[in-house]
């Protein structure tokens, strides 16, 4: 199934799951960077968290529009 074959609700679920995964990945990077003193890794983690949050919210909107 391609992205064009998905309903808006299905795409919303996928975006929310990917967003939550990105947020979690960013949280881990941020924590590891803090423990090791790697400010660059911490910065990457914060960016990943923000991107994940935005993608998750996009998924919420997509699912609401599909109702």
N, C-alpha and C. Protein backbone atom coordinates (compact mmCIF):
# COMPACT_ATOMS: atom_id res chain seq x y z
N UNK A 1 0.85 -1.18 0.00
CA UNK A 1 0.00 0.00 0.00
C UNK A 1 0.89 1.24 0.00
N UNK A 2 0.63 2.14 -0.90
CA UNK A 2 1.39 3.38 -0.95
C UNK A 2 0.70 4.44 -0.10
N UNK A 3 1.40 5.54 0.12
CA UNK A 3 0.81 6.64 0.90
C UNK A 3 -0.47 7.16 0.25
N UNK A 4 -0.55 7.07 -1.07
CA UNK A 4 -1.73 7.56 -1.77
C UNK A 4 -2.94 6.67 -1.53
N UNK A 5 -2.71 5.39 -1.17
CA UNK A 5 -3.80 4.46 -0.95
C UNK A 5 -4.36 4.54 0.47
N UNK A 6 -3.68 5.23 1.36
CA UNK A 6 -4.10 5.31 2.76
C UNK A 6 -5.16 6.39 2.95
N UNK A 7 -6.06 6.12 3.87
CA UNK A 7 -7.01 7.16 4.24
C UNK A 7 -6.29 8.17 5.12
N UNK A 8 -6.91 9.31 5.30
CA UNK A 8 -6.31 10.33 6.15
C UNK A 8 -6.16 9.82 7.59
N UNK A 9 -7.12 9.03 8.04
CA UNK A 9 -7.05 8.45 9.38
C UNK A 9 -5.89 7.48 9.52
N UNK A 10 -5.69 6.64 8.50
CA UNK A 10 -4.57 5.69 8.54
C UNK A 10 -3.23 6.42 8.52
N UNK A 11 -3.14 7.47 7.71
CA UNK A 11 -1.92 8.27 7.66
C UNK A 11 -1.69 8.95 9.01
N UNK A 12 -2.78 9.39 9.64
CA UNK A 12 -2.67 10.03 10.94
C UNK A 12 -2.13 9.10 12.00
N UNK A 13 -2.60 7.85 11.98
CA UNK A 13 -2.10 6.87 12.94
C UNK A 13 -0.62 6.63 12.70
N UNK A 14 -0.24 6.48 11.44
CA UNK A 14 1.17 6.24 11.12
C UNK A 14 2.04 7.42 11.55
N UNK A 15 1.57 8.65 11.28
CA UNK A 15 2.35 9.83 11.67
C UNK A 15 2.47 9.92 13.19
N UNK A 16 1.41 9.61 13.91
CA UNK A 16 1.48 9.66 15.38
C UNK A 16 2.47 8.65 15.93
N UNK A 17 2.46 7.44 15.38
CA UNK A 17 3.39 6.41 15.85
C UNK A 17 4.83 6.82 15.55
N UNK A 18 5.08 7.29 14.34
CA UNK A 18 6.43 7.72 13.99
C UNK A 18 6.85 8.92 14.83
N UNK A 19 5.92 9.81 15.11
CA UNK A 19 6.22 10.98 15.93
C UNK A 19 6.60 10.58 17.35
N UNK A 20 5.86 9.65 17.91
CA UNK A 20 6.17 9.18 19.27
C UNK A 20 7.53 8.49 19.29
N UNK A 21 7.84 7.73 18.24
CA UNK A 21 9.15 7.05 18.16
C UNK A 21 10.28 8.08 18.05
N UNK A 22 10.09 9.11 17.23
CA UNK A 22 11.11 10.16 17.11
C UNK A 22 11.31 10.89 18.43
N UNK A 23 10.21 11.15 19.13
CA UNK A 23 10.30 11.84 20.41
C UNK A 23 11.08 10.98 21.41
N UNK A 24 10.79 9.70 21.45
CA UNK A 24 11.50 8.80 22.35
C UNK A 24 12.99 8.72 22.00
N UNK A 25 13.28 8.60 20.71
CA UNK A 25 14.68 8.56 20.26
C UNK A 25 15.40 9.84 20.69
N UNK A 26 14.73 10.97 20.54
CA UNK A 26 15.32 12.24 20.94
C UNK A 26 15.55 12.32 22.44
N UNK A 27 14.63 11.78 23.20
CA UNK A 27 14.77 11.78 24.66
C UNK A 27 16.00 10.97 25.07
N UNK A 28 16.19 9.83 24.42
CA UNK A 28 17.35 8.98 24.73
C UNK A 28 18.64 9.71 24.36
N UNK A 29 18.68 10.32 23.17
CA UNK A 29 19.88 11.06 22.76
C UNK A 29 20.19 12.19 23.74
N UNK A 30 19.16 12.91 24.15
CA UNK A 30 19.33 14.01 25.09
C UNK A 30 19.91 13.50 26.41
N UNK A 31 19.37 12.39 26.91
CA UNK A 31 19.84 11.83 28.18
C UNK A 31 21.27 11.33 28.07
N UNK A 32 21.57 10.61 27.00
CA UNK A 32 22.93 10.08 26.82
C UNK A 32 23.92 11.23 26.66
N UNK A 33 23.52 12.24 25.90
CA UNK A 33 24.38 13.42 25.75
C UNK A 33 24.64 14.11 27.07
N UNK A 34 23.63 14.17 27.92
CA UNK A 34 23.79 14.78 29.24
C UNK A 34 24.72 13.98 30.12
N UNK A 35 24.60 12.65 30.06
CA UNK A 35 25.46 11.79 30.88
C UNK A 35 26.92 11.82 30.43
N UNK A 36 27.12 11.95 29.12
CA UNK A 36 28.49 11.91 28.58
C UNK A 36 29.09 13.29 28.38
N UNK A 37 28.28 14.33 28.59
CA UNK A 37 28.77 15.69 28.39
C UNK A 37 28.83 16.09 26.92
N UNK A 38 28.15 15.36 26.06
CA UNK A 38 28.14 15.64 24.62
C UNK A 38 26.99 16.59 24.30
N UNK A 39 27.28 17.88 24.27
CA UNK A 39 26.23 18.88 24.05
C UNK A 39 25.66 18.79 22.63
N UNK A 40 26.46 18.33 21.68
CA UNK A 40 25.98 18.17 20.31
C UNK A 40 24.89 17.09 20.26
N UNK A 41 25.12 15.98 20.95
CA UNK A 41 24.14 14.89 21.00
C UNK A 41 22.88 15.35 21.73
N UNK A 42 23.07 16.14 22.78
CA UNK A 42 21.91 16.68 23.50
C UNK A 42 21.08 17.55 22.57
N UNK A 43 21.76 18.38 21.78
CA UNK A 43 21.05 19.25 20.84
C UNK A 43 20.28 18.44 19.81
N UNK A 44 20.91 17.40 19.28
CA UNK A 44 20.22 16.52 18.32
C UNK A 44 18.98 15.91 18.97
N UNK A 45 19.13 15.52 20.22
CA UNK A 45 18.01 14.92 20.94
C UNK A 45 16.85 15.88 21.10
N UNK A 46 17.15 17.12 21.41
CA UNK A 46 16.10 18.11 21.58
C UNK A 46 15.39 18.38 20.25
N UNK A 47 16.15 18.42 19.16
CA UNK A 47 15.55 18.61 17.83
C UNK A 47 14.65 17.42 17.49
N UNK A 48 15.15 16.20 17.73
CA UNK A 48 14.35 15.00 17.45
C UNK A 48 13.06 14.99 18.28
N UNK A 49 13.14 15.42 19.53
CA UNK A 49 11.95 15.47 20.37
C UNK A 49 10.93 16.45 19.80
N UNK A 50 11.40 17.61 19.37
CA UNK A 50 10.50 18.61 18.81
C UNK A 50 9.86 18.11 17.52
N UNK A 51 10.66 17.51 16.64
CA UNK A 51 10.12 16.97 15.39
C UNK A 51 9.10 15.88 15.68
N UNK A 52 9.39 15.04 16.65
CA UNK A 52 8.47 13.98 17.01
C UNK A 52 7.15 14.51 17.53
N UNK A 53 7.22 15.54 18.35
CA UNK A 53 6.01 16.14 18.89
C UNK A 53 5.15 16.74 17.77
N UNK A 54 5.79 17.43 16.84
CA UNK A 54 5.06 18.03 15.73
C UNK A 54 4.41 16.95 14.87
N UNK A 55 5.15 15.88 14.58
CA UNK A 55 4.59 14.81 13.74
C UNK A 55 3.43 14.11 14.44
N UNK A 56 3.55 13.92 15.74
CA UNK A 56 2.47 13.30 16.52
C UNK A 56 1.22 14.18 16.46
N UNK A 57 1.39 15.48 16.63
CA UNK A 57 0.24 16.41 16.59
C UNK A 57 -0.37 16.43 15.19
N UNK A 58 0.45 16.34 14.15
CA UNK A 58 -0.05 16.27 12.78
C UNK A 58 -0.94 15.04 12.63
N UNK A 59 -0.49 13.93 13.17
CA UNK A 59 -1.29 12.71 13.13
C UNK A 59 -2.62 12.86 13.82
N UNK A 60 -2.63 13.57 14.95
CA UNK A 60 -3.89 13.83 15.67
C UNK A 60 -4.85 14.62 14.77
N UNK A 61 -4.33 15.65 14.12
CA UNK A 61 -5.16 16.48 13.24
C UNK A 61 -5.69 15.66 12.07
N UNK A 62 -4.82 14.85 11.47
CA UNK A 62 -5.24 14.03 10.34
C UNK A 62 -6.38 13.08 10.73
N UNK A 63 -6.26 12.47 11.90
CA UNK A 63 -7.31 11.55 12.35
C UNK A 63 -8.62 12.30 12.62
N UNK A 64 -8.54 13.48 13.18
CA UNK A 64 -9.75 14.27 13.44
C UNK A 64 -10.41 14.70 12.14
N UNK A 65 -9.62 15.05 11.14
CA UNK A 65 -10.18 15.45 9.85
C UNK A 65 -10.84 14.29 9.12
N UNK A 66 -10.40 13.08 9.41
CA UNK A 66 -10.92 11.90 8.72
C UNK A 66 -12.28 11.46 9.27
N UNK A 67 -12.69 11.97 10.41
CA UNK A 67 -13.95 11.56 11.03
C UNK A 67 -15.14 12.02 10.25
